[in-house]
């Protein structure tokens, strides 16, 4: 094995796409080889004997058919090269199809399949520098595309995919609710926190906390949504009940906003749609009508699969709140404890006293303390400095300091 084999192998990267000129040349060369093979098959059929005429004629037609396909893909490659709206891999696809049909034409004609050598030109190995350059360009394009998507939607890729799944979910479940635009308006009023019920009427007040007056809301739709558990009531001290969306009601509202085409034009149309759904479950006509007057709940699968997408601003605000909560859980700021500060000037060390002198002075200054009820004796250091140059430390610190 050559010594430079490893070096050569390290310089070869993955397979790269050939240039448009290479694709055009390969497609046209494949067409030439296919036509040549078809002409050879036709010549053999013309000079054949009576016994082999039928077989050679079939071979001629098969080779001719593949040659026509090769020319079609070669012409299409030239058309795609002049069209700037075509994707970048269109020419490569046409060249590969042309080579495949050229190989089949040569095989059908019974000649040597030299068209297989053209595949190597379409599968050229990239060098390390070329691969790195293409990867850099690809990542730059992805970053630019992601920035454009974020600027347009205000969401990252994960939440954009979540929003797309929610739209698909809404298309399959909004029509089953049997709602009109009026039901959506009732839930939107409840979502604002200003919908209340008093004296058998539903109203939307102008300000929060003022449960008096306001715009009238449909009583029938409000009662139907409350009976179907899309709304919840919170009783106030004066007997007023404030209506808010339940988790199921909030999810149904979000889905209805995503797919307004699933809402019915009128209450009668919504009633007839609900009647058509319950007709199979009830035999008596009165039971069918009674069941159609009740709003069906949101399907449990839609309630489980729906995930509200978050905007980038909402993610940032949530991250800041989580950081504050985590900091407070770990102790946070303690005003009674001062943060340690490094000394501005290094401490000046005095002359090291004799070890035995230090130990004798420490033992003389120490006080014998007996812990009550424990029967344990502890030696405590004195309150003031022991010796000049030693500071507030005692024997252990002095011994380390003196070596």
Protein backbone atom coordinates (compact mmCIF):
# COMPACT_ATOMS: atom_id res chain seq x y z
CA UNK A 1 0.00 0.00 0.00
CA UNK A 2 1.52 3.38 -0.91
CA UNK A 3 2.61 5.66 1.91
CA UNK A 4 0.55 8.56 0.63
CA UNK A 5 -2.68 6.48 0.49
CA UNK A 6 -3.91 7.83 3.81
CA UNK A 7 -3.13 11.39 2.76
CA UNK A 8 -4.98 10.95 -0.52
CA UNK A 9 -7.94 9.39 1.28
CA UNK A 10 -8.14 12.27 3.76
CA UNK A 11 -8.38 14.72 0.88
CA UNK A 12 -11.45 13.00 -0.60
CA UNK A 13 -14.84 14.01 0.71
CA UNK A 14 -18.40 12.85 0.05
CA UNK A 15 -20.02 12.73 -3.34
CA UNK A 16 -20.71 16.15 -4.77
CA UNK A 17 -23.10 17.38 -7.44
CA UNK A 18 -21.43 18.00 -10.80
CA UNK A 19 -21.58 21.31 -12.57
CA UNK A 20 -24.45 22.11 -14.98
CA UNK A 21 -22.03 21.93 -17.93
CA UNK A 22 -20.98 18.43 -16.90
CA UNK A 23 -24.62 17.31 -16.65
CA UNK A 24 -25.37 18.62 -20.14
CA UNK A 25 -22.32 16.95 -21.62
CA UNK A 26 -23.10 13.61 -19.97
CA UNK A 27 -26.73 13.70 -21.12
CA UNK A 28 -25.75 14.48 -24.71
CA UNK A 29 -23.03 11.80 -24.72
CA UNK A 30 -25.54 9.26 -23.40
CA UNK A 31 -27.91 10.19 -26.24
CA UNK A 32 -25.14 9.61 -28.79
CA UNK A 33 -24.32 6.19 -27.36
CA UNK A 34 -27.99 5.17 -27.26
CA UNK A 35 -28.63 6.25 -30.85
CA UNK A 36 -25.52 4.41 -32.00
CA UNK A 37 -26.70 1.24 -30.27
CA UNK A 38 -30.16 1.58 -31.86
CA UNK A 39 -28.58 2.04 -35.31
CA UNK A 40 -26.47 -1.09 -34.79
CA UNK A 41 -29.57 -3.05 -33.83
CA UNK A 42 -31.38 -1.78 -36.92
CA UNK A 43 -28.45 -2.74 -39.15
CA UNK A 44 -28.39 -6.23 -37.67
CA UNK A 45 -32.12 -6.59 -38.26
CA UNK A 46 -31.80 -5.52 -41.87
CA UNK A 47 -29.05 -8.07 -42.61
CA UNK A 48 -30.59 -10.91 -40.64
CA UNK A 49 -31.70 -14.22 -41.99
CA UNK A 50 -35.29 -15.36 -42.06
CA UNK A 51 -34.98 -17.47 -38.92
CA UNK A 52 -33.63 -14.64 -36.74
CA UNK A 53 -35.62 -11.78 -38.26
CA UNK A 54 -38.34 -11.73 -35.59
CA UNK A 55 -35.88 -11.72 -32.68
CA UNK A 56 -33.64 -9.04 -34.16
CA UNK A 57 -36.64 -6.88 -35.00
CA UNK A 58 -37.77 -7.04 -31.37
CA UNK A 59 -34.25 -6.09 -30.26
CA UNK A 60 -34.27 -3.18 -32.70
CA UNK A 61 -37.58 -1.84 -31.36
CA UNK A 62 -36.44 -2.14 -27.72
CA UNK A 63 -33.17 -0.29 -28.42
CA UNK A 64 -35.01 2.35 -30.42
CA UNK A 65 -37.47 2.91 -27.59
CA UNK A 66 -34.67 3.47 -25.05
CA UNK A 67 -32.83 5.77 -27.47
CA UNK A 68 -35.93 7.93 -27.79
CA UNK A 69 -36.11 8.21 -23.99
CA UNK A 70 -32.46 9.23 -23.79
CA UNK A 71 -32.93 12.00 -26.34
CA UNK A 72 -36.02 13.17 -24.49
CA UNK A 73 -34.09 13.52 -21.20
CA UNK A 74 -31.16 15.20 -22.96
CA UNK A 75 -33.48 17.77 -24.57
CA UNK A 76 -35.21 18.31 -21.23
CA UNK A 77 -31.84 18.97 -19.57
CA UNK A 78 -31.09 21.69 -22.10
CA UNK A 79 -34.51 23.26 -21.46
CA UNK A 80 -33.98 23.19 -17.69
CA UNK A 81 -30.55 24.80 -18.08
CA UNK A 82 -32.18 27.85 -19.70
CA UNK A 83 -34.93 28.09 -17.04
CA UNK A 84 -33.75 29.94 -13.89
CA UNK A 85 -36.82 28.84 -11.92
CA UNK A 86 -35.87 25.16 -11.99
CA UNK A 87 -34.23 23.64 -8.88
CA UNK A 88 -30.49 23.11 -8.80
CA UNK A 89 -30.70 19.31 -8.96
CA UNK A 90 -32.95 19.20 -12.05
CA UNK A 91 -30.04 18.88 -14.49
CA UNK A 92 -28.45 16.11 -12.44
CA UNK A 93 -31.71 14.18 -12.42
CA UNK A 94 -32.06 14.48 -16.20
CA UNK A 95 -28.45 13.37 -16.75
CA UNK A 96 -28.89 10.31 -14.54
CA UNK A 97 -32.09 9.31 -16.33
CA UNK A 98 -30.37 9.71 -19.69
CA UNK A 99 -27.47 7.50 -18.61
CA UNK A 100 -29.82 4.81 -17.26
CA UNK A 101 -31.77 4.65 -20.52
CA UNK A 102 -28.54 4.62 -22.54
CA UNK A 103 -27.34 1.58 -20.59
CA UNK A 104 -30.66 -0.14 -21.26
CA UNK A 105 -30.42 0.68 -24.98
CA UNK A 106 -26.96 -0.83 -25.23
CA UNK A 107 -28.03 -3.89 -23.27
CA UNK A 108 -31.07 -4.35 -25.51
CA UNK A 109 -28.92 -4.02 -28.64
CA UNK A 110 -26.42 -6.54 -27.32
CA UNK A 111 -23.41 -4.21 -27.52
CA UNK A 112 -20.89 -3.29 -24.87
CA UNK A 113 -22.44 -1.07 -22.17
CA UNK A 114 -19.96 1.78 -22.32
CA UNK A 115 -22.57 4.20 -20.98
CA UNK A 116 -21.90 2.95 -17.44
CA UNK A 117 -18.63 4.89 -17.51
CA UNK A 118 -20.66 8.12 -17.65
CA UNK A 119 -21.99 7.51 -14.14
CA UNK A 120 -18.54 8.09 -12.68
CA UNK A 121 -18.58 11.65 -14.04
CA UNK A 122 -21.84 12.31 -12.20
CA UNK A 123 -20.47 10.91 -8.93
CA UNK A 124 -17.24 12.80 -8.57
CA UNK A 125 -15.73 12.82 -5.10
CA UNK A 126 -15.31 16.20 -3.45
CA UNK A 127 -12.05 17.24 -1.91
CA UNK A 128 -11.96 18.36 1.71
CA UNK A 129 -11.76 22.02 0.72
CA UNK A 130 -14.69 21.72 -1.70
CA UNK A 131 -16.78 19.87 0.84
CA UNK A 132 -16.04 22.47 3.53
CA UNK A 133 -16.88 25.29 1.12
CA UNK A 134 -20.20 23.70 0.15
CA UNK A 135 -21.08 22.99 3.77
CA UNK A 136 -20.34 26.60 4.68
CA UNK A 137 -22.53 27.85 1.84
CA UNK A 138 -25.32 25.45 2.78
CA UNK A 139 -25.29 26.48 6.42
CA UNK A 140 -25.21 30.14 5.44
CA UNK A 141 -28.28 29.64 3.24
CA UNK A 142 -30.06 27.77 6.02
CA UNK A 143 -29.24 30.54 8.50
CA UNK A 144 -30.50 33.24 6.11
CA UNK A 145 -33.66 31.25 5.42
CA UNK A 146 -34.23 30.69 9.14
CA UNK A 147 -33.75 34.41 9.83
CA UNK A 148 -36.32 35.27 7.17
CA UNK A 149 -38.80 32.76 8.59
CA UNK A 150 -38.31 34.08 12.12
CA UNK A 151 -38.79 37.66 10.97
CA UNK A 152 -42.00 36.70 9.14
CA UNK A 153 -43.56 34.46 11.80
CA UNK A 154 -41.82 35.43 15.03
CA UNK A 155 -41.24 31.73 15.81
CA UNK A 156 -38.38 29.29 15.56
CA UNK A 157 -38.49 26.12 13.47
CA UNK A 158 -39.85 23.89 16.23
CA UNK A 159 -42.79 26.18 16.96
CA UNK A 160 -43.46 26.72 13.25
CA UNK A 161 -43.76 22.95 12.85
CA UNK A 162 -46.04 22.89 15.88
CA UNK A 163 -48.23 25.58 14.32
CA UNK A 164 -48.43 23.59 11.09
CA UNK A 165 -49.52 20.48 12.99
CA UNK A 166 -52.14 22.54 14.80
CA UNK A 167 -53.55 23.79 11.50
CA UNK A 168 -53.80 20.23 10.24
CA UNK A 169 -55.48 19.27 13.51
CA UNK A 170 -57.97 22.12 13.20
CA UNK A 171 -59.02 21.06 9.72
CA UNK A 172 -60.20 17.72 11.07
CA UNK A 173 -61.98 18.81 14.26
CA UNK A 174 -63.42 22.33 13.92
CA UNK A 175 -66.28 21.21 11.67
CA UNK A 176 -67.21 18.52 14.21
CA UNK A 177 -67.86 21.16 16.89
CA UNK A 178 -70.94 22.48 15.09
CA UNK A 179 -70.09 26.10 15.83
CA UNK A 180 -70.74 29.41 14.17
CA UNK A 181 -68.74 32.62 14.35
CA UNK A 182 -71.02 33.66 17.24
CA UNK A 183 -69.70 30.83 19.43
CA UNK A 184 -66.16 32.05 18.75
CA UNK A 185 -67.11 35.60 19.78
CA UNK A 186 -68.54 34.33 23.08
CA UNK A 187 -65.34 32.45 23.88
CA UNK A 188 -63.23 35.45 22.88
CA UNK A 189 -65.24 37.60 25.31
CA UNK A 190 -64.64 35.00 28.02
CA UNK A 191 -60.95 34.89 27.14
CA UNK A 192 -60.70 38.63 27.76
CA UNK A 193 -61.86 38.06 31.35
CA UNK A 194 -64.76 40.52 31.01
CA UNK A 195 -67.68 38.15 30.36
CA UNK A 196 -70.13 37.76 33.24
CA UNK A 197 -73.60 36.35 33.89
CA UNK A 198 -76.20 38.18 35.96
CA UNK A 199 -79.98 38.06 36.11
CA UNK A 200 -80.14 35.48 33.33
CA UNK A 201 -78.15 37.55 30.86
CA UNK A 202 -74.60 37.49 29.58
CA UNK A 203 -72.70 40.73 29.16
CA UNK A 204 -69.18 41.84 28.37
CA UNK A 205 -68.11 44.68 30.60
CA UNK A 206 -65.86 47.47 29.42
CA UNK A 207 -63.36 47.16 32.31
CA UNK A 208 -62.05 44.34 34.44
CA UNK A 209 -63.66 44.00 37.83
CA UNK A 210 -66.67 46.21 37.02
CA UNK A 211 -69.54 43.74 36.73
CA UNK A 212 -72.18 46.18 35.68
CA UNK A 213 -73.51 47.09 32.23
CA UNK A 214 -71.59 46.37 29.08
CA UNK A 215 -72.36 44.84 25.69
CA UNK A 216 -74.89 42.05 25.48
CA UNK A 217 -73.71 38.59 24.48
CA UNK A 218 -75.89 35.84 23.02
CA UNK A 219 -77.63 34.10 25.87
CA UNK A 220 -78.34 30.86 23.98
CA UNK A 221 -74.78 30.43 22.76
CA UNK A 222 -73.37 31.21 26.21
CA UNK A 223 -75.64 28.65 27.86
CA UNK A 224 -74.79 26.04 25.23
CA UNK A 225 -71.05 26.57 25.67
CA UNK A 226 -71.37 26.44 29.45
CA UNK A 227 -73.46 23.25 29.34
CA UNK A 228 -70.85 21.64 27.06
CA UNK A 229 -68.09 22.62 29.54
CA UNK A 230 -66.37 25.03 27.23
CA UNK A 231 -66.96 27.74 29.85
CA UNK A 232 -66.47 27.78 33.61
CA UNK A 233 -68.18 30.14 36.09
CA UNK A 234 -66.60 31.81 39.11
CA UNK A 235 -69.17 33.22 41.56
CA UNK A 236 -68.45 36.68 42.98
CA UNK A 237 -69.60 38.11 46.32
CA UNK A 238 -72.56 39.94 44.77
CA UNK A 239 -73.81 36.79 43.02
CA UNK A 240 -72.32 37.63 39.62
CA UNK A 241 -70.70 34.72 37.83
CA UNK A 242 -67.60 35.51 35.80
CA UNK A 243 -67.25 33.19 32.81
CA UNK A 244 -63.81 32.01 31.68
CA UNK A 245 -62.77 29.39 29.11
CA UNK A 246 -61.94 25.93 30.37
CA UNK A 247 -58.82 24.18 29.00
CA UNK A 248 -61.05 22.41 26.47
CA UNK A 249 -62.71 25.70 25.56
CA UNK A 250 -59.39 27.48 25.10
CA UNK A 251 -58.10 24.71 22.85
CA UNK A 252 -61.30 24.69 20.79
CA UNK A 253 -61.06 28.47 20.42
CA UNK A 254 -57.48 28.25 19.17
CA UNK A 255 -58.41 25.56 16.66
CA UNK A 256 -61.40 27.57 15.42
CA UNK A 257 -59.12 30.55 14.85
CA UNK A 258 -56.75 28.40 12.83
CA UNK A 259 -59.51 27.01 10.61
CA UNK A 260 -62.41 29.50 10.35
CA UNK A 261 -63.63 27.72 7.22
CA UNK A 262 -64.87 24.91 9.48
CA UNK A 263 -67.42 27.24 11.12
CA UNK A 264 -70.99 27.22 9.86
CA UNK A 265 -72.64 30.26 8.30
CA UNK A 266 -75.71 30.27 10.54
CA UNK A 267 -77.14 28.65 13.65
CA UNK A 268 -79.56 26.65 11.50
CA UNK A 269 -76.73 25.23 9.38
CA UNK A 270 -74.80 24.34 12.54
CA UNK A 271 -77.89 22.65 14.00
CA UNK A 272 -78.43 20.60 10.84
CA UNK A 273 -74.78 19.51 10.86
CA UNK A 274 -75.07 18.36 14.47
CA UNK A 275 -78.36 16.63 13.67
CA UNK A 276 -76.69 14.68 10.85
CA UNK A 277 -74.00 13.48 13.25
CA UNK A 278 -76.36 12.25 16.01
CA UNK A 279 -78.90 10.69 13.65
CA UNK A 280 -77.25 7.28 13.80
CA UNK A 281 -77.11 7.15 17.58
CA UNK A 282 -80.80 7.84 18.21
CA UNK A 283 -83.81 6.25 16.58
CA UNK A 284 -86.57 8.58 17.76
CA UNK A 285 -86.84 11.92 16.06
CA UNK A 286 -87.31 13.80 19.35
CA UNK A 287 -84.14 12.25 20.75
CA UNK A 288 -82.23 13.28 17.65
CA UNK A 289 -83.40 16.88 17.94
CA UNK A 290 -82.60 17.03 21.64
CA UNK A 291 -79.10 15.68 21.05
CA UNK A 292 -78.51 18.11 18.17
CA UNK A 293 -79.29 21.08 20.43
CA UNK A 294 -76.35 20.15 22.66
CA UNK A 295 -72.86 21.12 21.56
CA UNK A 296 -70.55 18.10 21.32
CA UNK A 297 -67.29 18.24 23.32
CA UNK A 298 -63.94 18.57 21.64
CA UNK A 299 -62.44 15.23 20.69
CA UNK A 300 -60.06 14.01 23.38
CA UNK A 301 -57.36 13.23 20.82
CA UNK A 302 -57.35 16.85 19.63
CA UNK A 303 -57.15 18.05 23.22
CA UNK A 304 -54.08 15.88 23.85
CA UNK A 305 -52.30 16.61 20.59
CA UNK A 306 -52.73 20.38 20.55
CA UNK A 307 -49.68 22.32 21.70
CA UNK A 308 -49.71 26.09 21.59
CA UNK A 309 -46.70 27.49 19.71
CA UNK A 310 -44.63 30.13 21.46
CA UNK A 311 -43.25 33.30 19.94
CA UNK A 312 -39.60 34.20 20.35
CA UNK A 313 -40.53 37.04 22.70
CA UNK A 314 -42.59 34.66 24.83
CA UNK A 315 -39.70 32.20 25.00
CA UNK A 316 -37.32 34.94 26.09
CA UNK A 317 -39.71 36.17 28.79
CA UNK A 318 -40.20 32.61 30.06
CA UNK A 319 -36.44 32.03 30.15
CA UNK A 320 -35.95 35.20 32.20
CA UNK A 321 -38.64 34.16 34.69
CA UNK A 322 -37.14 30.68 35.00
CA UNK A 323 -33.71 32.16 35.61
CA UNK A 324 -35.04 34.41 38.38
CA UNK A 325 -36.94 31.54 40.00
CA UNK A 326 -33.91 29.27 39.86
CA UNK A 327 -31.71 31.99 41.36
CA UNK A 328 -34.16 32.53 44.21
CA UNK A 329 -34.45 28.79 44.85
CA UNK A 330 -30.70 28.54 45.18
CA UNK A 331 -30.62 31.31 47.80
CA UNK A 332 -30.62 34.50 45.80
CA UNK A 333 -29.18 37.72 47.25
CA UNK A 334 -28.61 37.90 50.99
CA UNK A 335 -28.27 41.57 52.10
CA UNK A 336 -26.81 40.67 55.51
CA UNK A 337 -23.75 38.97 54.00
CA UNK A 338 -21.21 41.14 52.30
CA UNK A 339 -19.51 39.80 49.23
CA UNK A 340 -15.81 39.11 49.82
CA UNK A 341 -13.45 41.54 48.18
CA UNK A 342 -9.81 40.92 47.38
CA UNK A 343 -7.22 42.88 49.31
CA UNK A 344 -5.95 45.97 47.55
CA UNK A 345 -2.39 45.56 48.85
CA UNK A 346 -0.65 42.36 49.87
CA UNK A 347 -0.25 41.80 53.62
CA UNK A 348 3.17 42.48 55.06
CA UNK A 349 4.60 39.51 56.88
CA UNK A 350 6.59 40.18 60.04
CA UNK A 351 9.49 38.17 61.35
CA UNK A 352 8.61 34.59 62.13
CA UNK A 353 8.86 33.94 65.89
CA UNK A 354 10.22 30.76 67.31
CA UNK A 355 7.80 27.79 67.10
CA UNK A 356 8.17 26.88 70.74
CA UNK A 357 7.57 30.46 71.84
CA UNK A 358 4.39 30.59 69.78
CA UNK A 359 3.08 27.33 71.27
CA UNK A 360 3.82 28.45 74.82
CA UNK A 361 2.09 31.78 74.37
CA UNK A 362 -0.93 30.13 72.80
CA UNK A 363 -1.34 27.62 75.61
CA UNK A 364 -0.97 30.36 78.18
CA UNK A 365 -3.60 32.56 76.50
CA UNK A 366 -6.10 29.78 75.76
CA UNK A 367 -9.11 29.46 78.02
CA UNK A 368 -10.43 26.12 79.19
CA UNK A 369 -14.16 25.89 78.46
CA UNK A 370 -16.35 23.05 79.68
CA UNK A 371 -19.57 22.49 77.72
CA UNK A 372 -22.48 22.11 80.19
CA UNK A 373 -24.14 18.69 80.15
CA UNK A 374 -21.79 17.29 77.56
CA UNK A 375 -18.78 16.49 79.65
CA UNK A 376 -16.55 17.73 76.85
CA UNK A 377 -13.62 20.11 77.16
CA UNK A 378 -12.68 22.45 74.33
CA UNK A 379 -9.73 24.78 74.01
CA UNK A 380 -10.76 28.09 72.46
CA UNK A 381 -8.41 30.71 71.16
CA UNK A 382 -8.27 34.08 72.89
CA UNK A 383 -10.39 36.96 71.67
CA UNK A 384 -7.49 39.26 70.75
CA UNK A 385 -4.37 38.70 68.69
CA UNK A 386 -1.93 36.20 70.04
CA UNK A 387 1.37 37.64 68.99
CA UNK A 388 2.44 40.53 66.87
CA UNK A 389 2.75 39.34 63.30
CA UNK A 390 0.59 36.23 63.90
CA UNK A 391 -2.86 37.93 63.81
CA UNK A 392 -6.07 36.27 64.93
CA UNK A 393 -4.99 32.78 63.91
CA UNK A 394 -3.82 30.35 66.55
CA UNK A 395 -1.37 27.50 66.77
CA UNK A 396 -2.29 25.63 63.56
CA UNK A 397 -2.19 28.77 61.45
CA UNK A 398 0.97 29.94 63.13
CA UNK A 399 2.67 26.61 62.55
CA UNK A 400 1.75 26.65 58.83
CA UNK A 401 2.88 30.22 58.49
CA UNK A 402 6.20 29.58 60.14
CA UNK A 403 6.77 26.37 58.16
